[in-house]
Amino acid sequence: MPDFAKQKKQKEYQKYVKEVTPTHSLALNMCKAFVTGGAICVIGQIITNWCTSLGMEDQTAASWCSLLLVLLSVILTGFGIYPKLAKFGGAGTLVPITGFANSVAAPAIEYRKEGQVFGIGCKIFTIAGPVILYGLFTSWVLGLIYWVLKTVGAV
């Protein structure tokens, strides 16, 4: 009898899990990410073209584009708009530079009530910190490999 009750309870639980688990359309999610990421890239291109039309060199225009996209991302994060965009666009909003800016700004905004040191200072790089750490480490390793290959004469 206990086994029967246990199996019945397990079947009911599995039925409940199927009911509450959201279903996602991979094709739809990919389209949303493509459109959202594409829109961010179009905005970036508009900024770059505008800066170039003001007489800036390509390198300077690209720097201003990055700066303005990061600023826009932080402002949208502060007003709670960027998380809604990220929920809709998924990786389309999280992969570009704007997603990185959001990952730095969001914890700072969330933990500001805990103070400058223990709130913002401790939490600001909770998401972006590993990206920065492994990015620096990987660039160091690749630089070391390049140096060794150059020293040997292979490059």
N, C-alpha and C. Protein backbone atom coordinates (compact mmCIF):
# COMPACT_ATOMS: atom_id res chain seq x y z
N MET A 1 0.81 -1.20 0.00
CA MET A 1 0.00 0.00 0.00
C MET A 1 0.85 1.27 0.00
N PRO A 2 1.89 1.35 0.79
CA PRO A 2 2.69 2.57 0.79
C PRO A 2 3.35 2.81 -0.58
N ASP A 3 3.77 1.75 -1.28
CA ASP A 3 4.37 1.92 -2.60
C ASP A 3 3.37 2.51 -3.59
N PHE A 4 2.13 2.03 -3.52
CA PHE A 4 1.09 2.53 -4.41
C PHE A 4 0.84 4.03 -4.16
N ALA A 5 0.77 4.41 -2.91
CA ALA A 5 0.55 5.82 -2.56
C ALA A 5 1.74 6.67 -3.00
N LYS A 6 2.94 6.12 -2.83
CA LYS A 6 4.14 6.85 -3.22
C LYS A 6 4.18 7.05 -4.74
N GLN A 7 3.81 6.00 -5.50
CA GLN A 7 3.80 6.11 -6.96
C GLN A 7 2.73 7.09 -7.43
N LYS A 8 1.58 7.07 -6.77
CA LYS A 8 0.51 7.99 -7.13
C LYS A 8 0.94 9.43 -6.87
N LYS A 9 1.58 9.65 -5.74
CA LYS A 9 2.05 10.98 -5.39
C LYS A 9 3.12 11.44 -6.38
N GLN A 10 4.00 10.54 -6.80
CA GLN A 10 5.05 10.88 -7.74
C GLN A 10 4.45 11.23 -9.11
N LYS A 11 3.43 10.49 -9.55
CA LYS A 11 2.76 10.79 -10.82
C LYS A 11 2.06 12.14 -10.75
N GLU A 12 1.44 12.43 -9.64
CA GLU A 12 0.78 13.73 -9.47
C GLU A 12 1.80 14.86 -9.50
N TYR A 13 2.94 14.62 -8.89
CA TYR A 13 3.98 15.63 -8.88
C TYR A 13 4.52 15.87 -10.29
N GLN A 14 4.76 14.78 -11.04
CA GLN A 14 5.24 14.92 -12.42
C GLN A 14 4.22 15.66 -13.28
N LYS A 15 2.95 15.40 -13.06
CA LYS A 15 1.89 16.10 -13.80
C LYS A 15 1.92 17.59 -13.44
N TYR A 16 2.10 17.90 -12.18
CA TYR A 16 2.18 19.28 -11.72
C TYR A 16 3.38 20.00 -12.35
N VAL A 17 4.53 19.32 -12.38
CA VAL A 17 5.74 19.91 -12.95
C VAL A 17 5.52 20.23 -14.43
N LYS A 18 4.89 19.33 -15.17
CA LYS A 18 4.60 19.57 -16.59
C LYS A 18 3.67 20.77 -16.77
N GLU A 19 2.74 20.95 -15.85
CA GLU A 19 1.80 22.06 -15.95
C GLU A 19 2.48 23.41 -15.71
N VAL A 20 3.37 23.47 -14.74
CA VAL A 20 3.97 24.75 -14.37
C VAL A 20 5.27 25.06 -15.11
N THR A 21 5.87 24.07 -15.76
CA THR A 21 7.10 24.32 -16.49
C THR A 21 6.78 25.03 -17.80
N PRO A 22 7.38 26.22 -17.99
CA PRO A 22 7.09 26.94 -19.23
C PRO A 22 7.71 26.24 -20.43
N THR A 23 7.00 26.27 -21.53
CA THR A 23 7.54 25.71 -22.76
C THR A 23 8.07 26.86 -23.61
N HIS A 24 9.18 26.61 -24.27
CA HIS A 24 9.82 27.64 -25.06
C HIS A 24 9.98 27.15 -26.49
N SER A 25 9.79 28.06 -27.40
CA SER A 25 10.02 27.77 -28.80
C SER A 25 11.43 28.22 -29.16
N LEU A 26 12.28 27.27 -29.52
CA LEU A 26 13.66 27.59 -29.84
C LEU A 26 13.73 28.55 -31.03
N ALA A 27 12.94 28.29 -32.05
CA ALA A 27 12.95 29.15 -33.24
C ALA A 27 12.53 30.58 -32.89
N LEU A 28 11.48 30.71 -32.07
CA LEU A 28 11.01 32.03 -31.68
C LEU A 28 12.06 32.76 -30.84
N ASN A 29 12.68 32.05 -29.89
CA ASN A 29 13.72 32.66 -29.06
C ASN A 29 14.91 33.10 -29.90
N MET A 30 15.28 32.30 -30.90
CA MET A 30 16.39 32.67 -31.77
C MET A 30 16.04 33.91 -32.60
N CYS A 31 14.80 33.98 -33.07
CA CYS A 31 14.37 35.16 -33.84
C CYS A 31 14.37 36.41 -32.97
N LYS A 32 13.88 36.28 -31.74
CA LYS A 32 13.88 37.43 -30.82
C LYS A 32 15.30 37.90 -30.53
N ALA A 33 16.21 36.95 -30.29
CA ALA A 33 17.61 37.30 -30.02
C ALA A 33 18.24 37.97 -31.23
N PHE A 34 17.95 37.46 -32.42
CA PHE A 34 18.49 38.03 -33.65
C PHE A 34 18.01 39.45 -33.86
N VAL A 35 16.71 39.67 -33.68
CA VAL A 35 16.14 41.00 -33.89
C VAL A 35 16.66 41.98 -32.84
N THR A 36 16.69 41.55 -31.58
CA THR A 36 17.15 42.44 -30.51
C THR A 36 18.63 42.77 -30.65
N GLY A 37 19.46 41.76 -30.86
CA GLY A 37 20.89 42.00 -31.07
C GLY A 37 21.14 42.83 -32.31
N GLY A 38 20.37 42.57 -33.36
CA GLY A 38 20.49 43.35 -34.59
C GLY A 38 20.12 44.80 -34.36
N ALA A 39 19.07 45.04 -33.56
CA ALA A 39 18.66 46.42 -33.27
C ALA A 39 19.76 47.16 -32.51
N ILE A 40 20.41 46.47 -31.57
CA ILE A 40 21.52 47.09 -30.82
C ILE A 40 22.66 47.42 -31.79
N CYS A 41 22.94 46.51 -32.71
CA CYS A 41 24.01 46.76 -33.68
C CYS A 41 23.65 47.92 -34.62
N VAL A 42 22.39 48.01 -35.00
CA VAL A 42 21.95 49.12 -35.86
C VAL A 42 22.12 50.44 -35.11
N ILE A 43 21.73 50.47 -33.85
CA ILE A 43 21.91 51.68 -33.04
C ILE A 43 23.40 52.04 -32.96
N GLY A 44 24.23 51.03 -32.76
CA GLY A 44 25.67 51.27 -32.73
C GLY A 44 26.20 51.81 -34.05
N GLN A 45 25.70 51.28 -35.15
CA GLN A 45 26.13 51.76 -36.46
C GLN A 45 25.66 53.19 -36.70
N ILE A 46 24.45 53.50 -36.26
CA ILE A 46 23.95 54.87 -36.38
C ILE A 46 24.83 55.83 -35.59
N ILE A 47 25.20 55.45 -34.39
CA ILE A 47 26.08 56.29 -33.57
C ILE A 47 27.43 56.47 -34.25
N THR A 48 27.99 55.38 -34.77
CA THR A 48 29.28 55.45 -35.45
C THR A 48 29.21 56.35 -36.68
N ASN A 49 28.18 56.18 -37.48
CA ASN A 49 28.02 57.01 -38.67
C ASN A 49 27.85 58.49 -38.30
N TRP A 50 27.09 58.75 -37.26
CA TRP A 50 26.88 60.12 -36.80
C TRP A 50 28.20 60.75 -36.35
N CYS A 51 28.97 59.98 -35.58
CA CYS A 51 30.26 60.49 -35.11
C CYS A 51 31.21 60.73 -36.28
N THR A 52 31.20 59.84 -37.25
CA THR A 52 32.04 60.01 -38.44
C THR A 52 31.62 61.24 -39.23
N SER A 53 30.30 61.48 -39.30
CA SER A 53 29.81 62.65 -40.04
C SER A 53 30.20 63.96 -39.34
N LEU A 54 30.51 63.88 -38.05
CA LEU A 54 30.96 65.06 -37.32
C LEU A 54 32.45 65.32 -37.54
N GLY A 55 33.11 64.43 -38.30
CA GLY A 55 34.52 64.62 -38.62
C GLY A 55 35.47 63.78 -37.79
N MET A 56 34.96 62.87 -37.00
CA MET A 56 35.84 62.02 -36.18
C MET A 56 36.46 60.94 -37.05
N GLU A 57 37.66 60.50 -36.66
CA GLU A 57 38.30 59.37 -37.32
C GLU A 57 37.54 58.10 -36.94
N ASP A 58 37.72 57.05 -37.72
CA ASP A 58 36.98 55.80 -37.49
C ASP A 58 37.23 55.24 -36.09
N GLN A 59 38.47 55.26 -35.65
CA GLN A 59 38.81 54.73 -34.32
C GLN A 59 38.12 55.53 -33.21
N THR A 60 38.13 56.83 -33.33
CA THR A 60 37.49 57.70 -32.35
C THR A 60 35.98 57.51 -32.36
N ALA A 61 35.40 57.41 -33.56
CA ALA A 61 33.96 57.19 -33.68
C ALA A 61 33.56 55.86 -33.04
N ALA A 62 34.37 54.83 -33.24
CA ALA A 62 34.09 53.52 -32.64
C ALA A 62 34.17 53.60 -31.12
N SER A 63 35.12 54.36 -30.60
CA SER A 63 35.24 54.52 -29.14
C SER A 63 34.02 55.24 -28.58
N TRP A 64 33.58 56.29 -29.26
CA TRP A 64 32.39 57.00 -28.81
C TRP A 64 31.15 56.11 -28.90
N CYS A 65 31.09 55.27 -29.91
CA CYS A 65 29.96 54.34 -30.05
C CYS A 65 29.91 53.40 -28.84
N SER A 66 31.04 52.81 -28.50
CA SER A 66 31.09 51.92 -27.33
C SER A 66 30.69 52.65 -26.06
N LEU A 67 31.24 53.83 -25.89
CA LEU A 67 30.94 54.63 -24.70
C LEU A 67 29.45 54.95 -24.60
N LEU A 68 28.86 55.37 -25.70
CA LEU A 68 27.44 55.73 -25.68
C LEU A 68 26.53 54.52 -25.51
N LEU A 69 26.91 53.38 -26.09
CA LEU A 69 26.11 52.16 -25.89
C LEU A 69 26.16 51.70 -24.44
N VAL A 70 27.33 51.79 -23.82
CA VAL A 70 27.44 51.44 -22.40
C VAL A 70 26.61 52.39 -21.56
N LEU A 71 26.71 53.69 -21.83
CA LEU A 71 25.93 54.69 -21.09
C LEU A 71 24.43 54.42 -21.24
N LEU A 72 23.99 54.19 -22.46
CA LEU A 72 22.58 53.90 -22.71
C LEU A 72 22.13 52.65 -21.97
N SER A 73 22.97 51.62 -21.96
CA SER A 73 22.65 50.38 -21.25
C SER A 73 22.51 50.60 -19.75
N VAL A 74 23.42 51.39 -19.17
CA VAL A 74 23.37 51.66 -17.73
C VAL A 74 22.13 52.49 -17.38
N ILE A 75 21.81 53.46 -18.22
CA ILE A 75 20.61 54.27 -17.98
C ILE A 75 19.36 53.41 -18.06
N LEU A 76 19.28 52.57 -19.09
CA LEU A 76 18.11 51.68 -19.22
C LEU A 76 18.04 50.67 -18.07
N THR A 77 19.20 50.23 -17.58
CA THR A 77 19.22 49.33 -16.41
C THR A 77 18.70 50.06 -15.19
N GLY A 78 19.12 51.30 -15.00
CA GLY A 78 18.68 52.09 -13.85
C GLY A 78 17.18 52.32 -13.84
N PHE A 79 16.58 52.48 -15.00
CA PHE A 79 15.14 52.68 -15.07
C PHE A 79 14.36 51.37 -15.16
N GLY A 80 15.05 50.23 -15.11
CA GLY A 80 14.39 48.93 -15.13
C GLY A 80 13.90 48.49 -16.50
N ILE A 81 14.38 49.15 -17.55
CA ILE A 81 13.95 48.82 -18.91
C ILE A 81 14.82 47.71 -19.50
N TYR A 82 16.11 47.74 -19.24
CA TYR A 82 17.02 46.76 -19.84
C TYR A 82 16.69 45.32 -19.41
N PRO A 83 16.34 45.07 -18.16
CA PRO A 83 15.96 43.69 -17.80
C PRO A 83 14.75 43.19 -18.59
N LYS A 84 13.81 44.08 -18.89
CA LYS A 84 12.65 43.68 -19.70
C LYS A 84 13.09 43.36 -21.12
N LEU A 85 14.01 44.17 -21.66
CA LEU A 85 14.56 43.88 -22.99
C LEU A 85 15.29 42.53 -22.98
N ALA A 86 16.05 42.29 -21.93
CA ALA A 86 16.80 41.04 -21.83
C ALA A 86 15.87 39.83 -21.71
N LYS A 87 14.77 40.00 -21.01
CA LYS A 87 13.81 38.90 -20.90
C LYS A 87 13.21 38.58 -22.27
N PHE A 88 12.96 39.64 -23.07
CA PHE A 88 12.40 39.43 -24.40
C PHE A 88 13.47 38.91 -25.37
N GLY A 89 14.63 39.58 -25.42
CA GLY A 89 15.63 39.29 -26.45
C GLY A 89 16.67 38.26 -26.08
N GLY A 90 16.71 37.83 -24.85
CA GLY A 90 17.66 36.80 -24.44
C GLY A 90 19.10 37.16 -24.77
N ALA A 91 19.78 36.24 -25.44
CA ALA A 91 21.19 36.43 -25.76
C ALA A 91 21.42 37.63 -26.68
N GLY A 92 20.41 38.07 -27.38
CA GLY A 92 20.55 39.24 -28.24
C GLY A 92 20.89 40.49 -27.46
N THR A 93 20.49 40.55 -26.20
CA THR A 93 20.82 41.71 -25.36
C THR A 93 21.99 41.42 -24.43
N LEU A 94 22.25 40.17 -24.16
CA LEU A 94 23.28 39.83 -23.18
C LEU A 94 24.67 39.69 -23.77
N VAL A 95 24.76 39.38 -25.05
CA VAL A 95 26.06 39.15 -25.66
C VAL A 95 26.81 40.45 -25.99
N PRO A 96 26.17 41.47 -26.57
CA PRO A 96 26.93 42.68 -26.93
C PRO A 96 27.46 43.42 -25.70
N ILE A 97 28.19 44.48 -25.95
CA ILE A 97 28.80 45.29 -24.89
C ILE A 97 27.74 45.83 -23.92
N THR A 98 26.52 46.01 -24.43
CA THR A 98 25.45 46.52 -23.57
C THR A 98 25.09 45.52 -22.48
N GLY A 99 25.17 44.24 -22.79
CA GLY A 99 24.91 43.21 -21.78
C GLY A 99 25.95 43.21 -20.69
N PHE A 100 27.21 43.45 -21.07
CA PHE A 100 28.27 43.51 -20.08
C PHE A 100 28.08 44.72 -19.17
N ALA A 101 27.70 45.85 -19.76
CA ALA A 101 27.44 47.04 -18.95
C ALA A 101 26.28 46.80 -18.00
N ASN A 102 25.25 46.12 -18.47
CA ASN A 102 24.10 45.79 -17.64
C ASN A 102 24.52 44.88 -16.48
N SER A 103 25.41 43.93 -16.76
CA SER A 103 25.83 43.00 -15.70
C SER A 103 26.67 43.66 -14.63
N VAL A 104 27.28 44.79 -14.94
CA VAL A 104 28.02 45.56 -13.93
C VAL A 104 27.08 46.51 -13.19
N ALA A 105 26.18 47.16 -13.92
CA ALA A 105 25.31 48.17 -13.32
C ALA A 105 24.21 47.56 -12.45
N ALA A 106 23.66 46.44 -12.85
CA ALA A 106 22.52 45.86 -12.13
C ALA A 106 22.84 45.53 -10.67
N PRO A 107 23.95 44.81 -10.37
CA PRO A 107 24.26 44.55 -8.97
C PRO A 107 24.56 45.83 -8.18
N ALA A 108 25.20 46.81 -8.83
CA ALA A 108 25.49 48.07 -8.14
C ALA A 108 24.20 48.77 -7.74
N ILE A 109 23.23 48.77 -8.63
CA ILE A 109 21.95 49.40 -8.34
C ILE A 109 21.19 48.61 -7.28
N GLU A 110 21.22 47.28 -7.41
CA GLU A 110 20.47 46.44 -6.48
C GLU A 110 21.00 46.52 -5.05
N TYR A 111 22.31 46.60 -4.88
CA TYR A 111 22.91 46.55 -3.54
C TYR A 111 23.34 47.92 -3.02
N ARG A 112 22.93 49.01 -3.64
CA ARG A 112 23.35 50.34 -3.19
C ARG A 112 22.85 50.66 -1.79
N LYS A 113 21.72 50.07 -1.39
CA LYS A 113 21.17 50.34 -0.06
C LYS A 113 22.03 49.76 1.05
N GLU A 114 22.93 48.83 0.71
CA GLU A 114 23.81 48.23 1.72
C GLU A 114 25.08 49.04 1.93
N GLY A 115 25.22 50.14 1.21
CA GLY A 115 26.37 51.02 1.41
C GLY A 115 27.36 50.97 0.27
N GLN A 116 28.27 51.93 0.30
CA GLN A 116 29.27 52.05 -0.77
C GLN A 116 30.26 50.88 -0.78
N VAL A 117 30.71 50.46 0.39
CA VAL A 117 31.74 49.43 0.45
C VAL A 117 31.13 48.03 0.39
N PHE A 118 30.25 47.71 1.35
CA PHE A 118 29.71 46.35 1.43
C PHE A 118 28.57 46.11 0.44
N GLY A 119 28.00 47.14 -0.10
CA GLY A 119 26.96 46.98 -1.10
C GLY A 119 27.52 47.05 -2.49
N ILE A 120 27.78 48.26 -2.93
CA ILE A 120 28.25 48.47 -4.30
C ILE A 120 29.65 47.88 -4.50
N GLY A 121 30.56 48.17 -3.60
CA GLY A 121 31.94 47.72 -3.76
C GLY A 121 32.09 46.21 -3.81
N CYS A 122 31.33 45.50 -2.99
CA CYS A 122 31.45 44.03 -2.95
C CYS A 122 30.66 43.35 -4.05
N LYS A 123 29.58 43.93 -4.48
CA LYS A 123 28.67 43.23 -5.40
C LYS A 123 28.77 43.66 -6.86
N ILE A 124 29.47 44.76 -7.15
CA ILE A 124 29.43 45.31 -8.50
C ILE A 124 29.99 44.34 -9.55
N PHE A 125 30.94 43.52 -9.20
CA PHE A 125 31.54 42.62 -10.17
C PHE A 125 31.14 41.16 -9.95
N THR A 126 30.01 40.90 -9.31
CA THR A 126 29.62 39.51 -9.07
C THR A 126 29.39 38.76 -10.37
N ILE A 127 28.83 39.42 -11.37
CA ILE A 127 28.60 38.76 -12.65
C ILE A 127 29.74 39.04 -13.61
N ALA A 128 30.17 40.28 -13.68
CA ALA A 128 31.20 40.67 -14.64
C ALA A 128 32.60 40.27 -14.19
N GLY A 129 32.80 40.08 -12.91
CA GLY A 129 34.13 39.74 -12.39
C GLY A 129 34.74 38.51 -13.01
N PRO A 130 34.01 37.38 -13.06
CA PRO A 130 34.59 36.19 -13.70
C PRO A 130 34.91 36.41 -15.17
N VAL A 131 34.10 37.20 -15.86
CA VAL A 131 34.37 37.48 -17.27
C VAL A 131 35.67 38.25 -17.40
N ILE A 132 35.85 39.25 -16.56
CA ILE A 132 37.08 40.04 -16.58
C ILE A 132 38.28 39.16 -16.21
N LEU A 133 38.13 38.37 -15.15
CA LEU A 133 39.22 37.52 -14.69
C LEU A 133 39.66 36.54 -15.77
N TYR A 134 38.72 35.79 -16.33
CA TYR A 134 39.08 34.79 -17.33
C TYR A 134 39.50 35.43 -18.65
N GLY A 135 38.97 36.60 -18.95
CA GLY A 135 39.43 37.32 -20.14
C GLY A 135 40.88 37.74 -20.00
N LEU A 136 41.24 38.28 -18.85
CA LEU A 136 42.63 38.68 -18.62
C LEU A 136 43.56 37.47 -18.59
N PHE A 137 43.12 36.41 -17.93
CA PHE A 137 43.95 35.21 -17.84
C PHE A 137 44.17 34.60 -19.23
N THR A 138 43.11 34.52 -20.03
CA THR A 138 43.22 33.96 -21.37
C THR A 138 44.14 34.81 -22.24
N SER A 139 44.01 36.14 -22.14
CA SER A 139 44.89 37.00 -22.93
C SER A 139 46.34 36.86 -22.49
N TRP A 140 46.57 36.65 -21.20
CA TRP A 140 47.92 36.44 -20.70
C TRP A 140 48.50 35.14 -21.25
N VAL A 141 47.70 34.06 -21.22
CA VAL A 141 48.16 32.77 -21.73
C VAL A 141 48.46 32.87 -23.23
N LEU A 142 47.56 33.50 -23.98
CA LEU A 142 47.78 33.64 -25.42
C LEU A 142 48.99 34.52 -25.71
N GLY A 143 49.20 35.55 -24.92
CA GLY A 143 50.39 36.39 -25.06
C GLY A 143 51.66 35.61 -24.78
N LEU A 144 51.62 34.76 -23.77
CA LEU A 144 52.77 33.93 -23.44
C LEU A 144 53.07 32.95 -24.57
N ILE A 145 52.04 32.32 -25.11
CA ILE A 145 52.22 31.40 -26.24
C ILE A 145 52.82 32.15 -27.44
N TYR A 146 52.30 33.34 -27.72
CA TYR A 146 52.81 34.15 -28.84
C TYR A 146 54.29 34.51 -28.60
N TRP A 147 54.61 34.89 -27.38
CA TRP A 147 55.99 35.26 -27.06
C TRP A 147 56.93 34.07 -27.26
N VAL A 148 56.50 32.88 -26.78
CA VAL A 148 57.32 31.68 -26.93
C VAL A 148 57.51 31.36 -28.41
N LEU A 149 56.41 31.40 -29.18
CA LEU A 149 56.51 31.10 -30.61
C LEU A 149 57.38 32.12 -31.34
N LYS A 150 57.33 33.37 -30.94
CA LYS A 150 58.14 34.42 -31.55
C LYS A 150 59.60 34.24 -31.19
N THR A 151 59.86 33.84 -29.94
CA THR A 151 61.22 33.61 -29.48
C THR A 151 61.85 32.44 -30.23
N VAL A 152 61.07 31.41 -30.46
CA VAL A 152 61.55 30.23 -31.16
C VAL A 152 61.71 30.51 -32.65
N GLY A 153 60.97 31.48 -33.16
CA GLY A 153 61.07 31.83 -34.57
C GLY A 153 59.95 31.21 -35.40
N ALA A 154 58.94 30.68 -34.75
CA ALA A 154 57.84 30.06 -35.49
C ALA A 154 56.85 31.10 -36.01
N VAL A 155 56.88 32.27 -35.44
CA VAL A 155 55.96 33.34 -35.88
C VAL A 155 56.75 34.52 -36.39
